[in-house]
Amino acid sequence: MFRAWIPLFVLIAASCTDFSLTGPAGSGECDPSTSENCTRVLHVYGPISDTLADSTSAQLEASEELVGYCVDPFSGPGTCHFPVSVSVSWSSSDQRVATIDALGAMHTRAPGTVSITATDRAKGVSATITCLVIRVTALTVAPATVTRVIGDSSLVAVTATDAEGTSAGTFDISWRSSNPEIATVDSVTLDPARDGVALIHAISAGTATITATAPHGVVDSVTVTVVAAGR
């Protein structure tokens, strides 16, 4: 069984539940087979950013572990983490802002603040993430112009902001080429939570416009010039 060892005086990062650990003078070691002397901790994983654009989808996941004091024959006393299986239910604090289904698929609907909670169906332990949802009013694609030789490729990235200049870390974008015979474009999922990067492929000599489109008709574009080798 996997054990992650952390000195007792170090705080457990990314834990959604506060807990106290027993030490040598306490009630004993954490026993994962019975959960005795263990604290059950639920974690929620989701978008890379807590600021999302509306009309965006994101997949949330939950995991659970038993945490407690234990003594390793080689490392000595420490804090042990024992992963355990879990089945959770999902809920949204405001379905006008964001909804979430039984499988953890989240969809943002309107600007606002929303809390998404996962609850262990059997044990009742819960964890919550809070997200800000914004309405994207501007896209910026960089670089604004690209020149490539036939057969080459180039990455471009887009940022999405609202009217106050707040950036969305998670948003949905579609890409389109004005002339696929000159240049094509593919979304690159560097992170499953966002589609703000695209790969442009230079096909033949000429000029094409690559356009990024966000929900509500917000657009920006990059001009691509493709030249023959040696020019």
Protein backbone atom coordinates (compact mmCIF):
# COMPACT_ATOMS: atom_id res chain seq x y z
CA MET A 1 0.00 0.00 0.00
CA PHE A 2 1.22 3.47 -0.91
CA ARG A 3 2.27 5.68 1.99
CA ALA A 4 3.24 9.34 1.64
CA TRP A 5 5.37 10.44 4.58
CA ILE A 6 5.25 14.01 5.86
CA PRO A 7 6.71 15.23 9.18
CA LEU A 8 4.03 15.88 11.76
CA PHE A 9 4.77 19.62 11.96
CA VAL A 10 4.08 20.16 8.24
CA LEU A 11 0.55 21.18 7.26
CA ILE A 12 -1.18 18.96 4.73
CA ALA A 13 -1.60 20.98 1.54
CA ALA A 14 -4.74 20.94 -0.61
CA SER A 15 -6.85 19.28 2.05
CA CYS A 16 -10.48 20.37 2.17
CA THR A 17 -10.99 19.16 5.73
CA ASP A 18 -9.21 20.32 8.88
CA PHE A 19 -8.17 17.58 11.23
CA SER A 20 -6.03 16.83 14.27
CA LEU A 21 -3.55 13.96 14.27
CA THR A 22 -2.79 11.79 17.24
CA GLY A 23 0.87 11.44 18.24
CA PRO A 24 2.75 8.87 20.30
CA ALA A 25 0.78 9.88 23.39
CA GLY A 26 -2.53 9.71 21.55
CA SER A 27 -4.91 6.92 20.74
CA GLY A 28 -2.69 4.95 18.38
CA GLU A 29 -1.84 4.49 14.75
CA CYS A 30 -4.17 4.99 11.82
CA ASP A 31 -5.46 1.59 10.69
CA PRO A 32 -6.72 1.77 7.08
CA SER A 33 -8.43 -1.62 7.33
CA THR A 34 -10.83 -0.36 10.01
CA SER A 35 -10.42 3.45 9.73
CA GLU A 36 -9.63 3.48 13.46
CA ASN A 37 -7.59 6.53 14.53
CA CYS A 38 -7.80 7.91 10.97
CA THR A 39 -9.31 11.10 9.62
CA ARG A 40 -11.23 10.79 6.36
CA VAL A 41 -10.29 13.58 3.93
CA LEU A 42 -12.06 14.27 0.65
CA HIS A 43 -10.36 16.20 -2.17
CA VAL A 44 -11.91 17.83 -5.23
CA TYR A 45 -9.90 18.39 -8.39
CA GLY A 46 -11.03 20.54 -11.26
CA PRO A 47 -10.14 23.47 -13.48
CA ILE A 48 -6.66 24.93 -13.29
CA SER A 49 -8.16 28.30 -12.38
CA ASP A 50 -10.91 29.35 -10.00
CA THR A 51 -12.03 31.94 -12.57
CA LEU A 52 -14.07 30.51 -15.43
CA ALA A 53 -15.87 32.01 -18.39
CA ASP A 54 -19.60 31.45 -18.62
CA SER A 55 -20.84 28.90 -21.17
CA THR A 56 -17.81 26.74 -20.33
CA SER A 57 -17.62 23.07 -19.42
CA ALA A 58 -15.19 21.53 -16.94
CA GLN A 59 -14.80 18.06 -15.49
CA LEU A 60 -14.44 17.74 -11.72
CA GLU A 61 -13.06 14.69 -9.92
CA ALA A 62 -13.06 13.62 -6.28
CA SER A 63 -10.73 11.38 -4.30
CA GLU A 64 -10.60 10.35 -0.67
CA GLU A 65 -7.91 9.25 1.74
CA LEU A 66 -7.49 8.15 5.34
CA VAL A 67 -4.93 10.31 7.13
CA GLY A 68 -3.36 9.66 10.49
CA TYR A 69 -0.35 9.06 12.69
CA CYS A 70 1.68 5.94 12.01
CA VAL A 71 5.17 4.57 12.50
CA ASP A 72 7.23 3.29 9.59
CA PRO A 73 9.97 0.77 10.47
CA PHE A 74 12.46 2.73 8.34
CA SER A 75 11.28 6.35 8.46
CA GLY A 76 9.92 6.40 11.98
CA PRO A 77 6.80 8.30 13.09
CA GLY A 78 4.96 10.43 10.59
CA THR A 79 1.68 11.18 8.86
CA CYS A 80 0.34 8.45 6.57
CA HIS A 81 -2.05 8.90 3.64
CA PHE A 82 -4.06 5.84 2.57
CA PRO A 83 -6.12 6.30 -0.64
CA VAL A 84 -9.60 4.75 -0.44
CA SER A 85 -12.36 4.30 -2.99
CA VAL A 86 -15.27 6.72 -2.81
CA SER A 87 -18.62 7.40 -4.48
CA VAL A 88 -19.72 11.03 -4.29
CA SER A 89 -22.75 13.13 -5.02
CA TRP A 90 -22.34 16.62 -6.50
CA SER A 91 -24.24 19.83 -5.81
CA SER A 92 -24.11 23.48 -6.86
CA SER A 93 -24.83 26.38 -4.52
CA ASP A 94 -26.41 28.37 -7.38
CA GLN A 95 -27.59 26.59 -10.49
CA ARG A 96 -28.19 29.92 -12.19
CA VAL A 97 -24.40 30.39 -12.20
CA ALA A 98 -23.24 26.80 -12.74
CA THR A 99 -24.69 23.32 -12.84
CA ILE A 100 -23.01 19.99 -12.20
CA ASP A 101 -24.27 16.53 -13.03
CA ALA A 102 -23.94 13.21 -11.21
CA LEU A 103 -20.64 12.45 -12.95
CA GLY A 104 -18.97 15.75 -12.03
CA ALA A 105 -19.45 17.52 -15.37
CA MET A 106 -19.73 21.23 -14.58
CA HIS A 107 -21.25 23.82 -16.92
CA THR A 108 -21.10 27.55 -16.22
CA ARG A 109 -24.19 29.51 -17.19
CA ALA A 110 -23.95 33.13 -16.00
CA PRO A 111 -21.57 35.50 -14.18
CA GLY A 112 -21.41 35.14 -10.40
CA THR A 113 -19.82 33.14 -7.61
CA VAL A 114 -20.67 29.50 -7.11
CA SER A 115 -19.58 26.73 -4.76
CA ILE A 116 -19.47 23.13 -5.97
CA THR A 117 -19.59 20.46 -3.28
CA ALA A 118 -18.75 16.78 -3.43
CA THR A 119 -20.15 14.56 -0.66
CA ASP A 120 -19.14 11.00 0.18
CA ARG A 121 -22.41 9.08 -0.20
CA ALA A 122 -21.51 6.57 2.51
CA LYS A 123 -19.58 8.60 5.08
CA GLY A 124 -20.97 12.11 4.62
CA VAL A 125 -17.54 13.75 4.32
CA SER A 126 -17.62 16.71 1.94
CA ALA A 127 -15.29 19.09 0.13
CA THR A 128 -16.09 22.33 -1.67
CA ILE A 129 -14.45 24.48 -4.32
CA THR A 130 -15.59 28.05 -4.98
CA CYS A 131 -15.35 29.56 -8.45
CA LEU A 132 -15.87 32.99 -9.97
CA VAL A 133 -17.70 32.95 -13.30
CA ILE A 134 -17.21 35.92 -15.63
CA ARG A 135 -18.65 37.04 -18.97
CA VAL A 136 -15.86 37.21 -21.55
CA THR A 137 -16.03 40.42 -23.60
CA ALA A 138 -12.58 40.38 -25.26
CA LEU A 139 -10.15 37.87 -26.73
CA THR A 140 -6.51 38.55 -27.53
CA VAL A 141 -4.62 36.17 -29.82
CA ALA A 142 -0.83 36.31 -29.70
CA PRO A 143 1.10 36.68 -31.83
CA ALA A 144 -1.18 38.77 -34.06
CA THR A 145 0.75 37.85 -37.21
CA VAL A 146 2.58 34.67 -38.17
CA THR A 147 4.87 33.94 -41.14
CA ARG A 148 5.81 30.34 -41.82
CA VAL A 149 7.41 28.26 -44.55
CA ILE A 150 5.26 25.64 -46.25
CA GLY A 151 5.20 22.53 -44.06
CA ASP A 152 5.99 24.37 -40.82
CA SER A 153 3.69 24.83 -37.82
CA SER A 154 3.26 27.56 -35.21
CA LEU A 155 1.57 27.81 -31.83
CA VAL A 156 -0.70 30.75 -30.97
CA ALA A 157 -2.41 31.45 -27.67
CA VAL A 158 -5.49 33.42 -26.70
CA THR A 159 -6.40 35.17 -23.46
CA ALA A 160 -10.00 35.87 -22.46
CA THR A 161 -11.03 38.83 -20.27
CA ASP A 162 -14.22 40.46 -19.03
CA ALA A 163 -15.16 44.14 -19.14
CA GLU A 164 -13.14 44.85 -15.98
CA GLY A 165 -10.02 43.16 -17.34
CA THR A 166 -10.31 40.01 -15.22
CA SER A 167 -8.83 37.01 -17.03
CA ALA A 168 -10.59 33.68 -17.28
CA GLY A 169 -8.28 30.77 -16.59
CA THR A 170 -10.79 28.26 -17.93
CA PHE A 171 -12.80 28.92 -21.09
CA ASP A 172 -14.03 27.31 -24.31
CA ILE A 173 -12.74 28.53 -27.67
CA SER A 174 -13.39 27.42 -31.25
CA TRP A 175 -10.87 28.00 -34.05
CA ARG A 176 -11.44 28.51 -37.79
CA SER A 177 -9.27 29.16 -40.84
CA SER A 178 -10.50 31.48 -43.58
CA ASN A 179 -8.60 29.41 -46.16
CA PRO A 180 -7.71 25.83 -45.15
CA GLU A 181 -5.85 25.40 -48.44
CA ILE A 182 -3.33 27.97 -47.18
CA ALA A 183 -3.30 27.24 -43.45
CA THR A 184 -5.21 24.94 -41.11
CA VAL A 185 -5.67 25.17 -37.35
CA ASP A 186 -6.15 22.64 -34.57
CA SER A 187 -6.99 23.26 -30.93
CA VAL A 188 -4.21 22.04 -28.65
CA THR A 189 -5.30 20.74 -25.27
CA LEU A 190 -2.22 21.51 -23.21
CA ASP A 191 -4.57 21.36 -20.24
CA PRO A 192 -7.98 19.61 -20.37
CA ALA A 193 -9.56 22.60 -18.65
CA ARG A 194 -8.90 25.12 -21.40
CA ASP A 195 -8.71 25.41 -25.20
CA GLY A 196 -6.74 28.68 -25.40
CA VAL A 197 -3.88 27.28 -27.51
CA ALA A 198 -3.95 26.38 -31.20
CA LEU A 199 -1.48 24.87 -33.66
CA ILE A 200 -1.38 26.45 -37.12
CA HIS A 201 -0.12 24.36 -40.06
CA ALA A 202 1.30 26.08 -43.16
CA ILE A 203 -0.05 24.25 -46.22
CA SER A 204 0.65 26.37 -49.33
CA ALA A 205 1.83 29.88 -50.23
CA GLY A 206 -0.62 32.66 -49.51
CA THR A 207 -2.40 34.42 -46.66
CA ALA A 208 -5.13 33.16 -44.32
CA THR A 209 -6.88 34.47 -41.24
CA ILE A 210 -7.18 32.22 -38.18
CA THR A 211 -10.10 33.27 -35.98
CA ALA A 212 -10.75 32.38 -32.34
CA THR A 213 -14.37 32.59 -31.20
CA ALA A 214 -15.69 32.54 -27.63
CA PRO A 215 -19.34 32.22 -26.59
CA HIS A 216 -21.54 35.26 -27.20
CA GLY A 217 -19.74 36.03 -30.47
CA VAL A 218 -16.50 37.40 -29.02
CA VAL A 219 -13.68 37.01 -31.57
CA ASP A 220 -10.05 37.83 -32.34
CA SER A 221 -7.77 36.66 -35.13
CA VAL A 222 -4.23 36.14 -36.36
CA THR A 223 -3.01 36.77 -39.90
CA VAL A 224 -0.95 33.90 -41.30
CA THR A 225 1.41 34.35 -44.25
CA VAL A 226 2.78 31.16 -45.79
CA VAL A 227 5.84 31.35 -48.05
CA ALA A 228 7.79 28.86 -50.09
CA ALA A 229 11.13 27.63 -48.76
CA GLY A 230 14.04 29.91 -49.62
CA ARG A 231 11.95 33.09 -49.77
